[in-house]
């Protein structure tokens, strides 16, 4: 089997098309970045963050923002240096040229999409039970989450493609829910109906010191900050990306960080930590505590459902298209590249990734006392932090390969700080992550290695002179989450 072209693997998901239209200006790019970061993390994980550090839940979000910003600067250097819709896999291959390592990075990115979608499905199910006042039963929630993944699969099979303007609408809906929490929270605080003393109270678990508890909370909060890296896949559709990307990406990160910190402060001030720590719908609890008779409190679960549904759909589309692209390039077994003739969608990859998501949901739901959202969300951040550490190192390696145009350059110490901080939040003895997250990540990685070995064993060698295969499946630009 010949070595794959990893630029082609990424672009396979979008087929052989003319050069992409550069339609994104600063405004649309900003909305895209903000909308991609907002989503399941803040809507579902605020309670679990508070369980680690108490009322100072805002601190992990600030630390996660700092780590994300340093890594974003590395992405900015790479995307302005190589303005292509490829992401971490392309950068890794340009830096190291080791095909198996590039495959692992690409597969981890794909799996992070599946774990993110699984997290969103659980959050969707919990908010649906609250919105329709259904019994808070683990089995009912599990069935709803599985049904939601199946629904996403059916939509994906039908051939839905992403629209920038649809993303604008979804962003405004997601943002409206968070602004609603902030406004009602500030109104309650101004009226003396909240306890601001909780905001500065550190309450850590008995088995953890302050530093370890903050590290654990930050590794969870980081899940809420991911999404900024997806924007690099829009480089070929952005007007003058070298000029506008740095300013817009950092602005988007800053906006979401401010929103997240304000939301976490309001939620902690409104809901007692004991109740908040065990909640999978922390924002709903906060609005109900601040304004129990306010009709909009009944609407927030549905806004939350809409926000996390968008996260799940985008990530499952990304995961299936990346799997399809790797199969089409003979990196993975060929059966995963089968296309439905009428709809022209990669049905085998869609079914396979959906089955993995269902398996994850069922597995983590077997423990009724465990926090499903925290476990799956934490696994997503674990996978992406590992990729981000590689990206930060990649920046330094590619400094030895100059290009013939001007591009953004981050300060040399920052990628080193970014790599160290990402690894700090990955290792179990520094991050305080539960063992379950590493177990899930290793199983998913093992699946990838097995599929790689099957492809190597049963795929005939391809003549290097053969032209790349034509791809006809419709798909959105692949994403890094």
Foldseek 3Di string as FASTA:
>chain_A
DDQFDLLQLQCLLAFDDPQAAQDDELVLLLLQQLLQLFFQQLQFCLLQLCQAWWLQSLVLLVVLLVLVVLLVLLLQQVCQQPVALRFLLNLLCVQPVDRVVSLLLLLLLLVLLLLLLLLLLLLLLVLVCVLVVNDPDLVSSLVSSLVLLVVLLVVQLLADADDSVVSSVLSVLSVVLLVVLLVLLVVCVVVVNWALVRNPGTDHDPVDDPQLSSLQSNLSSNLSRPRLSQSSSCSSNHDPCQPNVVVSSSVSSVVNSVSSSSNSSSLSRQDHSVVSNPDRRSSLSSNCSSCVPDVCSSVSSVSNSSRSSVSNSQSLLQSLSSQLSCLLSLQFPVLQVDADVPSRASSSSSVVSSVVSSVLSVVLSVPVPDDSSSLSSSLSSLSVLVSSLSSLVSSVSCVVPGDDDDHRDDPVCSSVVSNVSSVLSNDCVRNVDDVSSVVVVVVSSVVSVVRSVVSVVPPDDDDPPDDRDGGRHHGYNRGSD
